[in-house]
Amino acid sequence: MATAMFIYAMFMRLVPSTLQARVRWYTNKFTTFVYPYIRITFHEFTGERLMKSEAYSAIQTYLSEHSSQRATRLKAELIKVKDTHSPIVLSMDDNEEIMEEFHGVKVWWSSYKITPKTQSFSVYPSSDERRYYNLTFHKRHRSLITETYLKHVLEEAKTIEIKNRKLKLYTNSKTKWSHVVFEHPATFETLAMRPKEKEGIINDLVRFRNGKSYYAKVGKAWKRGYLLYGPPGTGKSTMIAAMANFMNYDVYDLELTAVKDNSDLRRLLINTSSKSIIVIEDIDCSLDLTGQRKKRKEKVEGREGKSSSSKRGDEDDEDRESKVTLSGLLNVIDGIWSACGGERIMVFTTNFVEKLDAALIRRGRMDKHIELSYCCYEAFKVLAKNYLDVESHPLFPRIEKLLEETKITPADVAENLMPKSVDEEVETCLHSLIQFLEMTQRKQYHGQESKDMKHDKEVVEKIGVID
């Protein structure tokens, strides 16, 4: 070995570089002839280590599922995922190798980590630390591995990731998103709605999820808009949570008042991932999108008669005010920028749909309009099942009649159905709801009666003025 190292050192020092290159070429040819295996390397970072490689992440996910039964050295990670028996995920440790068979062909996966000898003190991982995977196989199986096996690995990794992913709830601050784990328990089974309407929404979501090829065929971006409208307390936010849990999508809660201008709005959209629901709640209250230009003009006219200090204060207020316009929002929803990414759902909620601009909620932007109205008897039965675990009771007909005559939200019904103590009986909760419904019915009757009297009085006064 010492002799070989000495000869190699003398060769590198005395032989010209052109001759060295030719010798290396012949050496590689000889090595390939003797060693008939091909090796593919997948590095953790690409693009000068600015971004993590998607291929590396997919292989990491794939091996974490398939290596735990073969590798002798494993590393464990604690995760919190719904509907899983074990919160610990095992994956292949660094500098470990496993063998796998695909269609009768053996392949070898090996994991490596290279750590620099000298490390500077830092709270972050060393920028010189490198991880990568090596895939080794016989050269006679090149086409099978490169064309079929790698595609199988990526598709399998995507399936595993969807199964094990933790849903996230994002919120925006200027041009950045921050997130927490999304753990809302709402489902379509617990959602208080008419069964037919609920079934229609579920079918629409399923068609969207399976419609990638259809959207490409018709030349549309793979997105869909939902407008949820109705009085407060009718379950608009709960509907969004149920949609996210059903589709297994992340939720991006977009706060328009925190966005400075249209450019920042576009940046936020680009930074959202696929398989996500982008939500703008209370769109009618977020920004006065249709009246900003008029208000700004009035501010300029009113500022002409003010002192310089007052003008400076008004300018500071205007700088802090969001400058997102209606056209900017429309471009994000349905313009060219809306095609940046796929499989996205856009949801608007509002209590007053008549206040919204017609261009904002037209079909094609908000494809499906869903009215969440007052509680009906079918919705009440869902709530009774959720809160009291009963599907029928002698008091149900009385409640059904009162619900037909009273405007009450599902939130109010749920509050009155919820037991006030552990020992409270079902019948007590139902009687409490009946009393609340009767009281609400009287209030609404007297309120309507007073409105009618006021209206009649105004009519009489107008007639007297005409006479």
Protein backbone atom coordinates (compact mmCIF):
# COMPACT_ATOMS: atom_id res chain seq x y z
CA MET A 1 0.00 0.00 0.00
CA ALA A 2 2.85 2.38 0.84
CA THR A 3 4.51 1.62 -2.50
CA ALA A 4 1.24 2.23 -4.37
CA MET A 5 0.71 5.57 -2.61
CA PHE A 6 4.32 6.61 -3.40
CA ILE A 7 3.92 5.74 -7.08
CA TYR A 8 0.61 7.64 -7.24
CA ALA A 9 2.16 10.75 -5.63
CA MET A 10 5.08 10.71 -8.08
CA PHE A 11 2.66 10.18 -10.97
CA MET A 12 0.57 13.22 -9.98
CA ARG A 13 3.71 15.37 -9.59
CA LEU A 14 5.73 14.40 -12.67
CA VAL A 15 3.19 13.39 -15.36
CA PRO A 16 1.62 16.24 -17.40
CA SER A 17 -2.08 16.95 -16.84
CA THR A 18 -3.06 15.98 -20.40
CA LEU A 19 -1.48 12.57 -19.95
CA GLN A 20 -3.12 12.25 -16.51
CA ALA A 21 -6.56 12.82 -18.10
CA ARG A 22 -5.91 10.13 -20.71
CA VAL A 23 -4.74 7.68 -18.04
CA ARG A 24 -7.88 8.39 -15.98
CA TRP A 25 -10.06 7.75 -19.03
CA TYR A 26 -8.48 4.32 -19.61
CA THR A 27 -8.67 3.57 -15.91
CA ASN A 28 -12.41 4.36 -15.83
CA LYS A 29 -12.97 2.16 -18.89
CA PHE A 30 -11.14 -0.71 -17.21
CA THR A 31 -13.02 -0.16 -13.93
CA THR A 32 -16.35 -0.16 -15.77
CA PHE A 33 -15.44 -3.43 -17.45
CA VAL A 34 -14.42 -5.04 -14.17
CA TYR A 35 -17.15 -3.40 -11.99
CA PRO A 36 -20.45 -3.64 -13.95
CA TYR A 37 -22.57 -1.55 -11.58
CA ILE A 38 -24.06 1.90 -12.01
CA ARG A 39 -24.42 4.35 -9.15
CA ILE A 40 -26.85 7.29 -9.03
CA THR A 41 -26.36 9.96 -6.37
CA PHE A 42 -29.23 12.08 -4.97
CA HIS A 43 -27.95 15.09 -3.03
CA GLU A 44 -29.96 16.75 -0.28
CA PHE A 45 -29.62 20.24 -1.71
CA THR A 46 -29.71 21.55 -5.27
CA GLY A 47 -29.04 24.95 -6.82
CA GLU A 48 -25.96 25.81 -4.77
CA ARG A 49 -27.62 24.46 -1.59
CA LEU A 50 -30.36 27.06 -1.69
CA MET A 51 -33.24 24.60 -1.94
CA LYS A 52 -33.81 21.09 -0.65
CA SER A 53 -34.05 18.56 -3.44
CA GLU A 54 -37.55 17.21 -4.01
CA ALA A 55 -36.06 13.92 -5.23
CA TYR A 56 -34.05 13.56 -2.00
CA SER A 57 -37.13 14.27 0.13
CA ALA A 58 -39.20 11.73 -1.83
CA ILE A 59 -36.53 9.04 -1.46
CA GLN A 60 -36.25 9.80 2.25
CA THR A 61 -40.01 9.32 2.62
CA TYR A 62 -39.94 6.11 0.57
CA LEU A 63 -37.06 4.58 2.53
CA SER A 64 -38.59 5.50 5.89
CA GLU A 65 -41.52 3.23 4.97
CA HIS A 66 -39.53 0.38 3.41
CA SER A 67 -36.21 0.33 5.31
CA SER A 68 -37.39 -0.32 8.89
CA GLN A 69 -37.61 -4.09 8.27
CA ARG A 70 -34.21 -4.39 6.52
CA ALA A 71 -31.78 -1.87 8.02
CA THR A 72 -29.77 -2.85 11.09
CA ARG A 73 -29.28 0.77 12.24
CA LEU A 74 -32.34 3.01 12.38
CA LYS A 75 -33.17 6.49 13.58
CA ALA A 76 -36.52 7.31 15.20
CA GLU A 77 -38.67 10.42 14.85
CA LEU A 78 -41.76 11.27 16.87
CA ILE A 79 -44.67 12.57 14.79
CA LYS A 80 -48.28 13.45 15.53
CA VAL A 81 -50.57 12.20 12.80
CA LYS A 82 -54.26 11.39 12.99
CA ASP A 83 -55.41 7.79 12.52
CA THR A 84 -52.01 6.20 13.16
CA HIS A 85 -51.24 3.39 15.60
CA SER A 86 -47.63 4.34 16.30
CA PRO A 87 -46.42 7.94 16.62
CA ILE A 88 -42.78 6.84 16.07
CA VAL A 89 -41.44 6.64 12.52
CA LEU A 90 -38.28 4.63 11.87
CA SER A 91 -35.96 5.38 8.98
CA MET A 92 -32.54 4.31 7.77
CA ASP A 93 -29.69 5.88 9.72
CA ASP A 94 -26.76 7.71 8.14
CA ASN A 95 -24.00 5.56 6.58
CA GLU A 96 -26.31 2.54 6.32
CA GLU A 97 -27.21 0.33 3.34
CA ILE A 98 -30.20 -1.84 2.45
CA MET A 99 -31.02 -4.13 -0.45
CA GLU A 100 -34.37 -4.17 -2.28
CA GLU A 101 -35.85 -6.19 -5.12
CA PHE A 102 -37.97 -4.70 -7.90
CA HIS A 103 -39.38 -7.02 -10.58
CA GLY A 104 -36.71 -9.56 -9.63
CA VAL A 105 -33.86 -7.03 -9.92
CA LYS A 106 -31.70 -6.25 -6.89
CA VAL A 107 -30.90 -2.63 -6.05
CA TRP A 108 -28.95 -1.18 -3.14
CA TRP A 109 -29.79 2.04 -1.31
CA SER A 110 -27.13 3.63 0.87
CA SER A 111 -27.33 6.77 3.01
CA TYR A 112 -24.31 8.99 3.66
CA LYS A 113 -23.51 12.07 5.70
CA ILE A 114 -20.25 13.95 5.31
CA THR A 115 -19.33 16.21 8.21
CA PRO A 116 -16.40 18.65 7.92
CA LYS A 117 -13.43 18.04 10.24
CA THR A 118 -13.45 21.63 11.52
CA GLN A 119 -16.78 23.06 12.62
CA SER A 120 -17.50 26.58 13.81
CA PHE A 121 -19.80 27.12 16.77
CA SER A 122 -23.34 27.87 15.59
CA VAL A 123 -26.89 27.22 16.69
CA TYR A 124 -27.64 26.09 13.11
CA PRO A 125 -26.38 22.95 11.35
CA SER A 126 -23.07 23.38 9.58
CA SER A 127 -23.41 24.64 6.03
CA ASP A 128 -20.62 22.21 5.01
CA GLU A 129 -22.50 19.15 6.24
CA ARG A 130 -23.75 17.13 3.27
CA ARG A 131 -26.19 14.25 3.01
CA TYR A 132 -26.95 12.13 -0.01
CA TYR A 133 -28.35 8.78 -1.11
CA ASN A 134 -26.68 6.36 -3.50
CA LEU A 135 -28.65 3.93 -5.66
CA THR A 136 -26.57 1.06 -7.05
CA PHE A 137 -27.70 -1.50 -9.65
CA HIS A 138 -26.32 -3.66 -12.45
CA LYS A 139 -25.83 -1.85 -15.74
CA ARG A 140 -27.88 -4.42 -17.67
CA HIS A 141 -31.00 -3.11 -15.84
CA ARG A 142 -30.38 0.57 -16.61
CA SER A 143 -33.64 1.15 -18.55
CA LEU A 144 -35.79 -0.65 -15.96
CA ILE A 145 -34.36 1.35 -13.06
CA THR A 146 -34.25 4.78 -14.69
CA GLU A 147 -37.60 4.58 -16.48
CA THR A 148 -39.76 2.43 -14.18
CA TYR A 149 -38.26 1.97 -10.73
CA LEU A 150 -37.48 5.62 -10.00
CA LYS A 151 -40.98 6.59 -11.14
CA HIS A 152 -42.37 3.93 -8.79
CA VAL A 153 -40.32 5.36 -5.89
CA LEU A 154 -41.60 8.91 -6.47
CA GLU A 155 -45.25 7.83 -6.77
CA GLU A 156 -45.00 5.62 -3.68
CA ALA A 157 -43.38 8.47 -1.73
CA LYS A 158 -46.21 10.81 -2.70
CA THR A 159 -48.79 8.28 -1.44
CA ILE A 160 -46.92 7.82 1.85
CA GLU A 161 -46.56 11.57 2.33
CA ILE A 162 -50.29 12.15 1.82
CA LYS A 163 -51.10 9.38 4.30
CA ASN A 164 -48.71 10.62 6.99
CA ARG A 165 -48.80 14.38 6.45
CA LYS A 166 -49.76 16.73 9.26
CA LEU A 167 -52.21 19.39 8.18
CA LYS A 168 -51.06 22.95 8.78
CA LEU A 169 -52.88 26.21 9.35
CA TYR A 170 -50.99 29.17 7.85
CA THR A 171 -51.41 32.86 8.53
CA ASN A 172 -49.70 35.74 6.76
CA SER A 173 -47.56 38.61 7.97
CA LYS A 174 -46.70 40.95 5.09
CA THR A 175 -45.11 38.59 2.52
CA LYS A 176 -44.37 35.60 4.78
CA TRP A 177 -46.43 32.66 6.02
CA SER A 178 -46.17 31.16 9.48
CA HIS A 179 -48.00 28.02 10.52
CA VAL A 180 -49.25 25.85 13.35
CA VAL A 181 -50.53 22.28 13.24
CA PHE A 182 -54.16 22.17 12.09
CA GLU A 183 -56.15 19.97 14.49
CA HIS A 184 -59.74 21.07 13.99
CA PRO A 185 -62.03 18.05 14.62
CA ALA A 186 -64.85 19.10 12.25
CA THR A 187 -65.97 16.58 9.62
CA PHE A 188 -68.87 16.38 7.21
CA GLU A 189 -70.43 13.74 9.46
CA THR A 190 -70.65 16.25 12.33
CA LEU A 191 -71.59 19.23 10.13
CA ALA A 192 -75.16 20.49 10.71
CA MET A 193 -76.62 20.65 7.20
CA ARG A 194 -79.30 19.08 5.06
CA PRO A 195 -78.02 15.66 3.91
CA LYS A 196 -78.64 16.38 0.20
CA GLU A 197 -76.72 19.67 0.31
CA LYS A 198 -73.88 17.99 2.20
CA GLU A 199 -73.72 15.16 -0.30
CA GLY A 200 -73.61 17.64 -3.18
CA ILE A 201 -70.61 19.45 -1.66
CA ILE A 202 -68.77 16.17 -1.02
CA ASN A 203 -69.34 15.01 -4.60
CA ASP A 204 -68.13 18.36 -5.94
CA LEU A 205 -64.92 18.11 -3.86
CA VAL A 206 -64.26 14.57 -5.03
CA ARG A 207 -64.70 15.59 -8.68
CA PHE A 208 -62.25 18.42 -8.16
CA ARG A 209 -59.66 16.20 -6.47
CA ASN A 210 -59.81 13.67 -9.31
CA GLY A 211 -60.05 16.27 -12.07
CA LYS A 212 -56.41 17.01 -12.94
CA SER A 213 -56.64 15.58 -16.45
CA TYR A 214 -60.05 17.18 -17.02
CA TYR A 215 -58.82 20.68 -16.09
CA ALA A 216 -55.81 20.21 -18.39
CA LYS A 217 -58.11 19.04 -21.18
CA VAL A 218 -60.37 22.13 -21.00
CA GLY A 219 -57.41 24.49 -20.55
CA LYS A 220 -58.22 25.76 -17.05
CA ALA A 221 -56.03 26.14 -13.98
CA TRP A 222 -56.61 23.32 -11.49
CA LYS A 223 -58.45 25.39 -8.89
CA ARG A 224 -61.99 25.89 -7.63
CA GLY A 225 -63.72 28.71 -5.78
CA TYR A 226 -66.36 28.43 -3.08
CA LEU A 227 -68.44 31.28 -1.69
CA LEU A 228 -69.92 30.55 1.74
CA TYR A 229 -72.55 33.07 2.78
CA GLY A 230 -75.17 33.34 5.47
CA PRO A 231 -75.88 34.87 8.89
CA PRO A 232 -73.26 34.69 11.66
CA GLY A 233 -73.19 31.38 13.50
CA THR A 234 -74.35 29.21 10.58
CA GLY A 235 -71.12 27.18 10.36
CA LYS A 236 -69.01 28.82 7.64
CA SER A 237 -65.69 28.32 9.45
CA THR A 238 -66.71 24.80 10.46
CA MET A 239 -67.45 24.05 6.81
CA ILE A 240 -63.90 25.09 5.86
CA ALA A 241 -62.41 22.84 8.55
CA ALA A 242 -64.56 19.93 7.36
CA MET A 243 -63.40 20.51 3.77
CA ALA A 244 -59.75 20.56 4.85
CA ASN A 245 -60.07 17.32 6.84
CA PHE A 246 -61.99 15.60 4.04
CA MET A 247 -59.53 16.63 1.30
CA ASN A 248 -56.45 16.40 3.58
CA TYR A 249 -55.44 19.91 2.47
CA ASP A 250 -53.52 22.62 4.34
CA VAL A 251 -55.37 25.85 5.14
CA TYR A 252 -54.00 29.32 4.33
CA ASP A 253 -55.93 31.98 6.25
CA LEU A 254 -55.24 35.11 4.18
CA GLU A 255 -55.66 38.36 6.10
CA LEU A 256 -55.95 41.06 3.43
CA THR A 257 -55.52 43.98 5.85
CA ALA A 258 -51.98 42.72 6.61
CA VAL A 259 -51.00 42.79 2.91
CA LYS A 260 -49.36 46.03 1.81
CA ASP A 261 -50.15 45.99 -1.92
CA ASN A 262 -50.92 43.81 -4.93
CA SER A 263 -47.29 42.74 -5.37
CA ASP A 264 -47.16 41.35 -1.84
CA LEU A 265 -50.45 39.57 -2.47
CA ARG A 266 -48.93 37.83 -5.51
CA ARG A 267 -45.86 36.80 -3.52
CA LEU A 268 -48.06 35.25 -0.86
CA LEU A 269 -49.98 33.30 -3.50
CA ILE A 270 -46.78 31.97 -5.10
CA ASN A 271 -45.58 30.75 -1.69
CA THR A 272 -48.68 28.61 -1.10
CA SER A 273 -48.39 24.90 -1.79
CA SER A 274 -50.62 22.64 -3.83
CA LYS A 275 -53.29 20.62 -2.00
CA SER A 276 -54.32 23.70 -0.06
CA ILE A 277 -57.38 25.78 0.79
CA ILE A 278 -56.86 29.57 0.64
CA VAL A 279 -59.42 31.29 2.85
CA ILE A 280 -60.48 34.93 3.06
CA GLU A 281 -63.05 35.15 5.85
CA ASP A 282 -65.54 38.01 6.01
CA ILE A 283 -64.45 39.32 2.62
CA ASP A 284 -66.95 42.17 2.88
CA CYS A 285 -65.18 43.44 6.03
CA SER A 286 -61.55 42.73 5.08
CA LEU A 287 -61.13 45.72 2.74
CA ASP A 288 -63.40 48.25 1.07
CA LEU A 289 -62.20 47.03 -2.30
CA THR A 290 -64.72 48.96 -4.35
CA GLY A 291 -64.48 52.28 -2.55
CA GLN A 292 -60.79 52.79 -1.91
CA ARG A 293 -60.16 55.08 -4.86
CA LYS A 294 -62.97 57.42 -3.86
CA LYS A 295 -61.83 57.50 -0.24
CA ARG A 296 -58.27 58.25 -1.27
CA LYS A 297 -59.43 61.15 -3.43
CA GLU A 298 -61.46 62.56 -0.55
CA LYS A 299 -58.41 62.33 1.72
CA VAL A 300 -56.29 64.28 -0.78
CA GLU A 301 -58.93 67.01 -1.09
CA GLY A 302 -59.39 67.26 2.67
CA ARG A 303 -55.65 67.42 3.25
CA GLU A 304 -55.27 70.66 1.28
CA GLY A 305 -56.57 72.79 4.15
CA LYS A 306 -54.61 71.06 6.91
CA SER A 307 -51.32 71.98 8.54
CA SER A 308 -48.05 70.26 7.60
CA SER A 309 -48.02 68.14 10.79
CA SER A 310 -51.56 66.94 10.12
CA LYS A 311 -50.64 66.14 6.52
CA ARG A 312 -47.63 64.14 7.71
CA GLY A 313 -49.81 62.13 10.07
CA ASP A 314 -52.33 61.40 7.32
CA GLU A 315 -49.52 60.29 5.00
CA ASP A 316 -48.24 57.88 7.66
CA ASP A 317 -51.74 56.45 8.07
CA GLU A 318 -52.04 56.01 4.32
CA ASP A 319 -48.65 54.24 4.19
CA ARG A 320 -49.80 51.80 6.83
CA GLU A 321 -53.12 51.24 5.07
CA SER A 322 -53.39 48.24 2.76
CA LYS A 323 -53.33 49.21 -0.92
CA VAL A 324 -54.70 45.94 -2.27
CA THR A 325 -57.19 46.75 -5.03
CA LEU A 326 -60.14 44.86 -6.42
CA SER A 327 -58.33 44.26 -9.72
CA GLY A 328 -55.29 42.91 -7.84
CA LEU A 329 -57.45 40.48 -5.91
CA LEU A 330 -59.26 39.39 -9.07
CA ASN A 331 -55.95 38.70 -10.83
CA VAL A 332 -54.85 36.52 -7.92
CA ILE A 333 -58.11 34.57 -7.95
CA ASP A 334 -58.69 34.14 -11.66
CA GLY A 335 -55.86 35.82 -13.58
CA ILE A 336 -52.54 34.55 -14.89
CA TRP A 337 -51.07 34.36 -11.39
CA SER A 338 -53.81 31.95 -10.28
CA ALA A 339 -52.19 29.24 -12.44
CA CYS A 340 -48.96 29.30 -10.38
CA GLY A 341 -49.46 25.88 -8.83
CA GLY A 342 -52.32 23.43 -8.95
CA GLU A 343 -54.93 21.69 -6.83
CA ARG A 344 -55.94 24.77 -4.87
CA ILE A 345 -59.33 25.71 -3.45
CA MET A 346 -60.22 29.36 -2.85
CA VAL A 347 -62.92 30.03 -0.22
CA PHE A 348 -64.60 33.35 0.56
CA THR A 349 -66.97 33.79 3.49
CA THR A 350 -69.39 36.66 4.07
CA ASN A 351 -72.42 37.51 6.16
CA PHE A 352 -73.78 39.90 3.52
CA VAL A 353 -73.39 38.57 0.00
CA GLU A 354 -75.25 41.55 -1.48
CA LYS A 355 -72.36 43.86 -0.43
CA LEU A 356 -69.82 42.08 -2.63
CA ASP A 357 -68.87 43.24 -6.10
CA ALA A 358 -70.50 41.13 -8.81
CA ALA A 359 -67.13 40.68 -10.54
CA LEU A 360 -65.70 39.14 -7.39
CA ILE A 361 -68.26 36.36 -7.00
CA ARG A 362 -69.17 35.55 -10.60
CA ARG A 363 -69.04 31.94 -11.79
CA GLY A 364 -65.53 31.03 -12.80
CA ARG A 365 -64.09 32.86 -9.81
CA MET A 366 -66.41 31.59 -7.12
CA ASP A 367 -67.61 28.47 -8.94
CA LYS A 368 -69.97 27.20 -6.25
CA HIS A 369 -72.13 29.40 -4.02
CA ILE A 370 -73.17 27.68 -0.77
CA GLU A 371 -75.78 29.30 1.44
CA LEU A 372 -75.47 28.37 5.11
CA SER A 373 -78.78 29.46 6.53
CA TYR A 374 -80.68 29.04 9.79
CA CYS A 375 -81.00 25.69 11.48
CA CYS A 376 -83.47 23.26 9.94
CA TYR A 377 -84.81 20.01 11.38
CA GLU A 378 -82.27 17.83 9.50
CA ALA A 379 -79.41 19.95 10.87
CA PHE A 380 -80.90 19.74 14.37
CA LYS A 381 -80.89 15.93 14.21
CA VAL A 382 -77.17 15.98 13.38
CA LEU A 383 -76.52 18.26 16.37
CA ALA A 384 -78.64 16.07 18.65
CA LYS A 385 -76.60 13.06 17.56
CA ASN A 386 -73.33 14.93 18.15
CA TYR A 387 -74.15 16.47 21.54
CA LEU A 388 -76.65 14.06 23.11
CA ASP A 389 -76.08 10.84 21.12
CA VAL A 390 -79.79 10.47 20.38
CA GLU A 391 -81.43 9.96 16.99
CA SER A 392 -85.11 10.16 18.06
CA HIS A 393 -87.14 11.42 21.02
CA PRO A 394 -90.82 12.23 21.75
CA LEU A 395 -89.89 15.95 21.93
CA PHE A 396 -88.47 16.00 18.38
CA PRO A 397 -91.84 16.80 16.66
CA ARG A 398 -92.31 19.84 18.90
CA ILE A 399 -88.79 21.05 18.10
CA GLU A 400 -89.37 20.48 14.38
CA LYS A 401 -92.47 22.70 14.43
CA LEU A 402 -90.65 25.46 16.33
CA LEU A 403 -87.67 25.37 13.94
CA GLU A 404 -90.03 25.89 10.99
CA GLU A 405 -91.43 29.03 12.63
CA THR A 406 -88.19 30.44 14.13
CA LYS A 407 -84.97 31.77 12.66
CA ILE A 408 -82.17 30.41 14.80
CA THR A 409 -78.59 29.54 13.92
CA PRO A 410 -76.99 26.12 14.44
CA ALA A 411 -74.59 27.74 16.92
CA ASP A 412 -77.51 28.76 19.17
CA VAL A 413 -79.04 25.29 18.91
CA ALA A 414 -75.73 23.65 19.79
CA GLU A 415 -75.27 25.91 22.80
CA ASN A 416 -78.66 24.93 24.20
CA LEU A 417 -78.15 21.23 23.48
CA MET A 418 -74.81 21.06 25.23
CA PRO A 419 -75.21 19.51 28.71
CA LYS A 420 -74.37 21.95 31.50
CA SER A 421 -73.14 19.13 33.75
CA VAL A 422 -72.10 15.50 33.46
CA ASP A 423 -75.34 14.22 35.04
CA GLU A 424 -77.73 16.34 32.97
CA GLU A 425 -80.23 14.17 31.10
CA VAL A 426 -81.19 14.29 27.43
CA GLU A 427 -84.74 15.38 28.15
CA THR A 428 -83.54 18.33 30.23
CA CYS A 429 -81.36 19.57 27.35
CA LEU A 430 -84.22 19.22 24.86
CA HIS A 431 -86.60 21.13 27.19
CA SER A 432 -83.96 23.87 27.49
CA LEU A 433 -83.85 24.13 23.70
CA ILE A 434 -87.65 24.26 23.44
CA GLN A 435 -87.80 27.11 25.97
CA PHE A 436 -85.14 29.02 24.03
CA LEU A 437 -86.97 28.47 20.74
CA GLU A 438 -90.28 29.66 22.21
CA MET A 439 -88.65 32.76 23.67
CA THR A 440 -86.93 33.52 20.37
CA GLN A 441 -90.18 32.99 18.50
CA ARG A 442 -91.97 35.56 20.69
CA LYS A 443 -89.17 38.09 20.24
CA GLN A 444 -89.15 37.67 16.48
CA TYR A 445 -92.95 37.94 16.33
CA HIS A 446 -93.04 41.16 18.37
CA GLY A 447 -90.09 42.55 16.42
CA GLN A 448 -91.82 41.91 13.10
CA GLU A 449 -95.05 43.36 14.47
CA SER A 450 -93.31 46.58 15.50
CA LYS A 451 -91.65 46.79 12.05
CA ASP A 452 -95.04 46.44 10.37
CA MET A 453 -96.54 49.16 12.57
CA LYS A 454 -93.64 51.48 11.82
CA HIS A 455 -94.01 50.81 8.11
CA ASP A 456 -97.75 51.52 8.21
CA LYS A 457 -97.12 54.76 10.07
CA GLU A 458 -94.59 55.91 7.46
CA VAL A 459 -97.06 55.11 4.68
CA VAL A 460 -99.82 57.13 6.38
CA GLU A 461 -97.47 60.08 6.89
CA LYS A 462 -96.48 60.03 3.20
CA ILE A 463 -100.14 59.98 2.16
CA GLY A 464 -100.84 62.94 4.43
CA VAL A 465 -97.95 64.91 2.91
CA ILE A 466 -99.27 64.22 -0.61
CA ASP A 467 -102.79 65.35 0.35
